[in-house]
Amino acid sequence: MDPNACVNRILTALRQGDLEEAREASDDLSEWILRGGFRPEPTAYARLSAAAPESFLNELEGLLALLRPEESDDL
């Protein structure tokens, strides 16, 4: 397994709003790491944020919004 490719799989699924695929990819990565596999390299994602920080932050904000539960009007 390539954990960097798995992180890309997670991010792509989130961008597409496919939360089920994102969860499955997250589970795959988690199982890989728990079995002693190496972790994804954070440097690739750091380069993304350094190259275009505003667009990276905007994309990250959008991805996080997908993960937030719907807010109820009853609150």
PDB file of N, CA and C in Angstrom:
ATOM      1  N   MET A   1       0.844  -1.183   0.000  1.00  0.00           N
ATOM      2  CA  MET A   1       0.000   0.000   0.000  1.00  0.00           C
ATOM      3  C   MET A   1       0.886   1.241   0.000  1.00  0.00           C
ATOM      4  N   ASP A   2       0.430   2.249  -0.701  1.00  0.00           N
ATOM      5  CA  ASP A   2       1.119   3.537  -0.719  1.00  0.00           C
ATOM      6  C   ASP A   2       0.296   4.503   0.133  1.00  0.00           C
ATOM      7  N   PRO A   3       0.759   4.828   1.350  1.00  0.00           N
ATOM      8  CA  PRO A   3      -0.033   5.693   2.216  1.00  0.00           C
ATOM      9  C   PRO A   3      -0.221   7.098   1.647  1.00  0.00           C
ATOM     10  N   ASN A   4       0.744   7.586   0.851  1.00  0.00           N
ATOM     11  CA  ASN A   4       0.561   8.899   0.226  1.00  0.00           C
ATOM     12  C   ASN A   4      -0.591   8.867  -0.772  1.00  0.00           C
ATOM     13  N   ALA A   5      -0.675   7.784  -1.541  1.00  0.00           N
ATOM     14  CA  ALA A   5      -1.783   7.625  -2.481  1.00  0.00           C
ATOM     15  C   ALA A   5      -3.108   7.507  -1.729  1.00  0.00           C
ATOM     16  N   CYS A   6      -3.068   6.870  -0.570  1.00  0.00           N
ATOM     17  CA  CYS A   6      -4.289   6.724   0.227  1.00  0.00           C
ATOM     18  C   CYS A   6      -4.768   8.080   0.745  1.00  0.00           C
ATOM     19  N   VAL A   7      -3.831   8.927   1.159  1.00  0.00           N
ATOM     20  CA  VAL A   7      -4.211  10.278   1.588  1.00  0.00           C
ATOM     21  C   VAL A   7      -4.823  11.030   0.412  1.00  0.00           C
ATOM     22  N   ASN A   8      -4.236  10.884  -0.772  1.00  0.00           N
ATOM     23  CA  ASN A   8      -4.820  11.521  -1.955  1.00  0.00           C
ATOM     24  C   ASN A   8      -6.219  10.985  -2.223  1.00  0.00           C
ATOM     25  N   ARG A   9      -6.410   9.691  -2.000  1.00  0.00           N
ATOM     26  CA  ARG A   9      -7.736   9.075  -2.156  1.00  0.00           C
ATOM     27  C   ARG A   9      -8.738   9.702  -1.187  1.00  0.00           C
ATOM     28  N   ILE A  10      -8.308   9.917   0.048  1.00  0.00           N
ATOM     29  CA  ILE A  10      -9.173  10.542   1.058  1.00  0.00           C
ATOM     30  C   ILE A  10      -9.538  11.957   0.622  1.00  0.00           C
ATOM     31  N   LEU A  11      -8.535  12.736   0.240  1.00  0.00           N
ATOM     32  CA  LEU A  11      -8.774  14.129  -0.144  1.00  0.00           C
ATOM     33  C   LEU A  11      -9.654  14.231  -1.385  1.00  0.00           C
ATOM     34  N   THR A  12      -9.421  13.359  -2.360  1.00  0.00           N
ATOM     35  CA  THR A  12     -10.246  13.363  -3.570  1.00  0.00           C
ATOM     36  C   THR A  12     -11.692  13.033  -3.230  1.00  0.00           C
ATOM     37  N   ALA A  13     -11.882  12.034  -2.395  1.00  0.00           N
ATOM     38  CA  ALA A  13     -13.246  11.657  -2.001  1.00  0.00           C
ATOM     39  C   ALA A  13     -13.937  12.803  -1.275  1.00  0.00           C
ATOM     40  N   LEU A  14     -13.215  13.494  -0.405  1.00  0.00           N
ATOM     41  CA  LEU A  14     -13.807  14.623   0.313  1.00  0.00           C
ATOM     42  C   LEU A  14     -14.161  15.753  -0.647  1.00  0.00           C
ATOM     43  N   ARG A  15     -13.266  16.020  -1.598  1.00  0.00           N
ATOM     44  CA  ARG A  15     -13.546  17.071  -2.588  1.00  0.00           C
ATOM     45  C   ARG A  15     -14.815  16.758  -3.367  1.00  0.00           C
ATOM     46  N   GLN A  16     -15.030  15.474  -3.634  1.00  0.00           N
ATOM     47  CA  GLN A  16     -16.192  15.047  -4.409  1.00  0.00           C
ATOM     48  C   GLN A  16     -17.428  14.850  -3.537  1.00  0.00           C
ATOM     49  N   GLY A  17     -17.278  15.040  -2.235  1.00  0.00           N
ATOM     50  CA  GLY A  17     -18.406  14.866  -1.327  1.00  0.00           C
ATOM     51  C   GLY A  17     -18.752  13.413  -1.069  1.00  0.00           C
ATOM     52  N   ASP A  18     -17.836  12.510  -1.369  1.00  0.00           N
ATOM     53  CA  ASP A  18     -18.065  11.076  -1.186  1.00  0.00           C
ATOM     54  C   ASP A  18     -17.533  10.661   0.186  1.00  0.00           C
ATOM     55  N   LEU A  19     -18.349  10.890   1.207  1.00  0.00           N
ATOM     56  CA  LEU A  19     -17.912  10.620   2.574  1.00  0.00           C
ATOM     57  C   LEU A  19     -17.701   9.134   2.841  1.00  0.00           C
ATOM     58  N   GLU A  20     -18.472   8.281   2.184  1.00  0.00           N
ATOM     59  CA  GLU A  20     -18.298   6.840   2.377  1.00  0.00           C
ATOM     60  C   GLU A  20     -16.915   6.400   1.884  1.00  0.00           C
ATOM     61  N   GLU A  21     -16.522   6.858   0.708  1.00  0.00           N
ATOM     62  CA  GLU A  21     -15.194   6.518   0.181  1.00  0.00           C
ATOM     63  C   GLU A  21     -14.097   7.107   1.061  1.00  0.00           C
ATOM     64  N   ALA A  22     -14.302   8.327   1.556  1.00  0.00           N
ATOM     65  CA  ALA A  22     -13.307   8.948   2.441  1.00  0.00           C
ATOM     66  C   ALA A  22     -13.141   8.129   3.716  1.00  0.00           C
ATOM     67  N   ARG A  23     -14.247   7.657   4.271  1.00  0.00           N
ATOM     68  CA  ARG A  23     -14.172   6.822   5.478  1.00  0.00           C
ATOM     69  C   ARG A  23     -13.465   5.494   5.199  1.00  0.00           C
ATOM     70  N   GLU A  24     -13.794   4.882   4.063  1.00  0.00           N
ATOM     71  CA  GLU A  24     -13.151   3.612   3.716  1.00  0.00           C
ATOM     72  C   GLU A  24     -11.647   3.795   3.540  1.00  0.00           C
ATOM     73  N   ALA A  25     -11.256   4.859   2.853  1.00  0.00           N
ATOM     74  CA  ALA A  25      -9.830   5.126   2.653  1.00  0.00           C
ATOM     75  C   ALA A  25      -9.153   5.424   3.987  1.00  0.00           C
ATOM     76  N   SER A  26      -9.842   6.152   4.859  1.00  0.00           N
ATOM     77  CA  SER A  26      -9.295   6.443   6.188  1.00  0.00           C
ATOM     78  C   SER A  26      -9.118   5.165   6.994  1.00  0.00           C
ATOM     79  N   ASP A  27     -10.094   4.279   6.902  1.00  0.00           N
ATOM     80  CA  ASP A  27      -9.982   2.984   7.586  1.00  0.00           C
ATOM     81  C   ASP A  27      -8.810   2.178   7.035  1.00  0.00           C
ATOM     82  N   ASP A  28      -8.660   2.186   5.706  1.00  0.00           N
ATOM     83  CA  ASP A  28      -7.544   1.460   5.086  1.00  0.00           C
ATOM     84  C   ASP A  28      -6.208   1.992   5.594  1.00  0.00           C
ATOM     85  N   LEU A  29      -6.079   3.313   5.630  1.00  0.00           N
ATOM     86  CA  LEU A  29      -4.826   3.921   6.080  1.00  0.00           C
ATOM     87  C   LEU A  29      -4.577   3.621   7.555  1.00  0.00           C
ATOM     88  N   SER A  30      -5.621   3.713   8.360  1.00  0.00           N
ATOM     89  CA  SER A  30      -5.492   3.431   9.787  1.00  0.00           C
ATOM     90  C   SER A  30      -5.044   1.992  10.023  1.00  0.00           C
ATOM     91  N   GLU A  31      -5.677   1.046   9.336  1.00  0.00           N
ATOM     92  CA  GLU A  31      -5.301  -0.365   9.481  1.00  0.00           C
ATOM     93  C   GLU A  31      -3.856  -0.584   9.052  1.00  0.00           C
ATOM     94  N   TRP A  32      -3.457   0.048   7.961  1.00  0.00           N
ATOM     95  CA  TRP A  32      -2.083  -0.065   7.460  1.00  0.00           C
ATOM     96  C   TRP A  32      -1.089   0.390   8.527  1.00  0.00           C
ATOM     97  N   ILE A  33      -1.346   1.541   9.118  1.00  0.00           N
ATOM     98  CA  ILE A  33      -0.431   2.091  10.125  1.00  0.00           C
ATOM     99  C   ILE A  33      -0.421   1.211  11.374  1.00  0.00           C
ATOM    100  N   LEU A  34      -1.596   0.746  11.810  1.00  0.00           N
ATOM    101  CA  LEU A  34      -1.674  -0.102  13.001  1.00  0.00           C
ATOM    102  C   LEU A  34      -0.949  -1.433  12.819  1.00  0.00           C
ATOM    103  N   ARG A  35      -0.848  -1.902  11.577  1.00  0.00           N
ATOM    104  CA  ARG A  35      -0.125  -3.154  11.304  1.00  0.00           C
ATOM    105  C   ARG A  35       1.371  -2.913  11.124  1.00  0.00           C
ATOM    106  N   GLY A  36       1.813  -1.682  11.355  1.00  0.00           N
ATOM    107  CA  GLY A  36       3.244  -1.392  11.270  1.00  0.00           C
ATOM    108  C   GLY A  36       3.689  -0.759   9.973  1.00  0.00           C
ATOM    109  N   GLY A  37       2.745  -0.423   9.108  1.00  0.00           N
ATOM    110  CA  GLY A  37       3.104   0.232   7.853  1.00  0.00           C
ATOM    111  C   GLY A  37       3.587   1.651   8.097  1.00  0.00           C
ATOM    112  N   PHE A  38       4.340   2.169   7.142  1.00  0.00           N
ATOM    113  CA  PHE A  38       4.850   3.526   7.318  1.00  0.00           C
ATOM    114  C   PHE A  38       3.755   4.552   7.071  1.00  0.00           C
ATOM    115  N   ARG A  39       3.940   5.691   7.677  1.00  0.00           N
ATOM    116  CA  ARG A  39       2.952   6.768   7.590  1.00  0.00           C
ATOM    117  C   ARG A  39       3.149   7.580   6.311  1.00  0.00           C
ATOM    118  N   PRO A  40       2.099   8.291   5.870  1.00  0.00           N
ATOM    119  CA  PRO A  40       2.268   9.158   4.703  1.00  0.00           C
ATOM    120  C   PRO A  40       3.255  10.282   5.010  1.00  0.00           C
ATOM    121  N   GLU A  41       3.919  10.750   3.983  1.00  0.00           N
ATOM    122  CA  GLU A  41       4.871  11.841   4.150  1.00  0.00           C
ATOM    123  C   GLU A  41       4.131  13.171   4.123  1.00  0.00           C
ATOM    124  N   PRO A  42       4.255  13.953   5.172  1.00  0.00           N
ATOM    125  CA  PRO A  42       3.538  15.231   5.214  1.00  0.00           C
ATOM    126  C   PRO A  42       4.149  16.297   4.314  1.00  0.00           C
ATOM    127  N   THR A  43       5.366  16.086   3.838  1.00  0.00           N
ATOM    128  CA  THR A  43       6.030  17.134   3.064  1.00  0.00           C
ATOM    129  C   THR A  43       5.302  17.454   1.771  1.00  0.00           C
ATOM    130  N   ALA A  44       4.686  16.467   1.133  1.00  0.00           N
ATOM    131  CA  ALA A  44       3.961  16.728  -0.108  1.00  0.00           C
ATOM    132  C   ALA A  44       2.817  17.698   0.128  1.00  0.00           C
ATOM    133  N   TYR A  45       2.149  17.567   1.263  1.00  0.00           N
ATOM    134  CA  TYR A  45       1.013  18.429   1.563  1.00  0.00           C
ATOM    135  C   TYR A  45       1.490  19.786   2.063  1.00  0.00           C
ATOM    136  N   ALA A  46       2.643  19.811   2.700  1.00  0.00           N
ATOM    137  CA  ALA A  46       3.225  21.085   3.125  1.00  0.00           C
ATOM    138  C   ALA A  46       3.620  21.906   1.910  1.00  0.00           C
ATOM    139  N   ARG A  47       4.135  21.243   0.863  1.00  0.00           N
ATOM    140  CA  ARG A  47       4.491  21.965  -0.362  1.00  0.00           C
ATOM    141  C   ARG A  47       3.256  22.570  -0.999  1.00  0.00           C
ATOM    142  N   LEU A  48       2.144  21.853  -0.962  1.00  0.00           N
ATOM    143  CA  LEU A  48       0.903  22.395  -1.515  1.00  0.00           C
ATOM    144  C   LEU A  48       0.511  23.681  -0.814  1.00  0.00           C
ATOM    145  N   SER A  49       0.580  23.670   0.507  1.00  0.00           N
ATOM    146  CA  SER A  49       0.161  24.851   1.259  1.00  0.00           C
ATOM    147  C   SER A  49       1.149  25.996   1.087  1.00  0.00           C
ATOM    148  N   ALA A  50       2.435  25.692   0.922  1.00  0.00           N
ATOM    149  CA  ALA A  50       3.430  26.749   0.744  1.00  0.00           C
ATOM    150  C   ALA A  50       3.339  27.362  -0.643  1.00  0.00           C
ATOM    151  N   ALA A  51       3.002  26.554  -1.645  1.00  0.00           N
ATOM    152  CA  ALA A  51       2.950  27.040  -3.019  1.00  0.00           C
ATOM    153  C   ALA A  51       1.773  27.980  -3.242  1.00  0.00           C
ATOM    154  N   ALA A  52       0.656  27.693  -2.650  1.00  0.00           N
ATOM    155  CA  ALA A  52      -0.543  28.511  -2.844  1.00  0.00           C
ATOM    156  C   ALA A  52      -1.340  28.509  -1.550  1.00  0.00           C
ATOM    157  N   PRO A  53      -0.851  29.232  -0.532  1.00  0.00           N
ATOM    158  CA  PRO A  53      -1.476  29.121   0.792  1.00  0.00           C
ATOM    159  C   PRO A  53      -2.952  29.498   0.819  1.00  0.00           C
ATOM    160  N   GLU A  54      -3.345  30.541   0.096  1.00  0.00           N
ATOM    161  CA  GLU A  54      -4.748  30.959   0.149  1.00  0.00           C
ATOM    162  C   GLU A  54      -5.661  29.909  -0.466  1.00  0.00           C
ATOM    163  N   SER A  55      -5.296  29.386  -1.631  1.00  0.00           N
ATOM    164  CA  SER A  55      -6.159  28.380  -2.258  1.00  0.00           C
ATOM    165  C   SER A  55      -6.167  27.088  -1.449  1.00  0.00           C
ATOM    166  N   PHE A  56      -5.022  26.745  -0.857  1.00  0.00           N
ATOM    167  CA  PHE A  56      -4.966  25.549  -0.016  1.00  0.00           C
ATOM    168  C   PHE A  56      -5.889  25.708   1.187  1.00  0.00           C
ATOM    169  N   LEU A  57      -5.838  26.874   1.828  1.00  0.00           N
ATOM    170  CA  LEU A  57      -6.690  27.102   2.997  1.00  0.00           C
ATOM    171  C   LEU A  57      -8.162  27.122   2.615  1.00  0.00           C
ATOM    172  N   ASN A  58      -8.485  27.702   1.462  1.00  0.00           N
ATOM    173  CA  ASN A  58      -9.875  27.702   1.006  1.00  0.00           C
ATOM    174  C   ASN A  58     -10.362  26.282   0.754  1.00  0.00           C
ATOM    175  N   GLU A  59      -9.509  25.474   0.123  1.00  0.00           N
ATOM    176  CA  GLU A  59      -9.890  24.087  -0.128  1.00  0.00           C
ATOM    177  C   GLU A  59     -10.033  23.318   1.181  1.00  0.00           C
ATOM    178  N   LEU A  60      -9.112  23.533   2.099  1.00  0.00           N
ATOM    179  CA  LEU A  60      -9.181  22.862   3.396  1.00  0.00           C
ATOM    180  C   LEU A  60     -10.460  23.251   4.136  1.00  0.00           C
ATOM    181  N   GLU A  61     -10.815  24.519   4.082  1.00  0.00           N
ATOM    182  CA  GLU A  61     -12.054  24.967   4.733  1.00  0.00           C
ATOM    183  C   GLU A  61     -13.261  24.266   4.125  1.00  0.00           C
ATOM    184  N   GLY A  62     -13.274  24.128   2.808  1.00  0.00           N
ATOM    185  CA  GLY A  62     -14.371  23.431   2.145  1.00  0.00           C
ATOM    186  C   GLY A  62     -14.442  21.965   2.536  1.00  0.00           C
ATOM    187  N   LEU A  63     -13.274  21.322   2.636  1.00  0.00           N
ATOM    188  CA  LEU A  63     -13.250  19.917   3.033  1.00  0.00           C
ATOM    189  C   LEU A  63     -13.734  19.742   4.463  1.00  0.00           C
ATOM    190  N   LEU A  64     -13.325  20.640   5.343  1.00  0.00           N
ATOM    191  CA  LEU A  64     -13.767  20.552   6.736  1.00  0.00           C
ATOM    192  C   LEU A  64     -15.266  20.776   6.854  1.00  0.00           C
ATOM    193  N   ALA A  65     -15.812  21.647   6.013  1.00  0.00           N
ATOM    194  CA  ALA A  65     -17.256  21.889   6.038  1.00  0.00           C
ATOM    195  C   ALA A  65     -18.022  20.611   5.706  1.00  0.00           C
ATOM    196  N   LEU A  66     -17.454  19.787   4.835  1.00  0.00           N
ATOM    197  CA  LEU A  66     -18.109  18.517   4.502  1.00  0.00           C
ATOM    198  C   LEU A  66     -18.171  17.578   5.697  1.00  0.00           C
ATOM    199  N   LEU A  67     -17.208  17.710   6.588  1.00  0.00           N
ATOM    200  CA  LEU A  67     -17.135  16.810   7.737  1.00  0.00           C
ATOM    201  C   LEU A  67     -17.987  17.266   8.909  1.00  0.00           C
ATOM    202  N   ARG A  68     -18.386  18.529   8.902  1.00  0.00           N
ATOM    203  CA  ARG A  68     -19.203  19.045  10.007  1.00  0.00           C
ATOM    204  C   ARG A  68     -20.629  18.525   9.868  1.00  0.00           C
ATOM    205  N   PRO A  69     -21.215  18.119  10.965  1.00  0.00           N
ATOM    206  CA  PRO A  69     -22.622  17.693  10.895  1.00  0.00           C
ATOM    207  C   PRO A  69     -23.510  18.892  10.576  1.00  0.00           C
ATOM    208  N   GLU A  70     -24.604  18.596   9.930  1.00  0.00           N
ATOM    209  CA  GLU A  70     -25.569  19.652   9.622  1.00  0.00           C
ATOM    210  C   GLU A  70     -26.053  20.292  10.915  1.00  0.00           C
ATOM    211  N   GLU A  71     -26.081  21.601  10.920  1.00  0.00           N
ATOM    212  CA  GLU A  71     -26.578  22.297  12.111  1.00  0.00           C
ATOM    213  C   GLU A  71     -28.096  22.341  12.056  1.00  0.00           C
ATOM    214  N   SER A  72     -28.681  22.074  13.168  1.00  0.00           N
ATOM    215  CA  SER A  72     -30.135  22.051  13.253  1.00  0.00           C
ATOM    216  C   SER A  72     -30.669  23.434  13.575  1.00  0.00           C
ATOM    217  N   ASP A  73     -31.821  23.770  12.976  1.00  0.00           N
ATOM    218  CA  ASP A  73     -32.478  25.042  13.286  1.00  0.00           C
ATOM    219  C   ASP A  73     -33.102  25.009  14.671  1.00  0.00           C
ATOM    220  N   ASP A  74     -33.228  23.802  15.247  1.00  0.00           N
ATOM    221  CA  ASP A  74     -33.859  23.657  16.556  1.00  0.00           C
ATOM    222  C   ASP A  74     -32.942  24.045  17.704  1.00  0.00           C
ATOM    223  N   LEU A  75     -31.654  24.262  17.425  1.00  0.00           N
ATOM    224  CA  LEU A  75     -30.713  24.559  18.506  1.00  0.00           C
ATOM    225  C   LEU A  75     -30.867  25.946  19.028  1.00  0.00           C
TER     226      LEU A  75
END
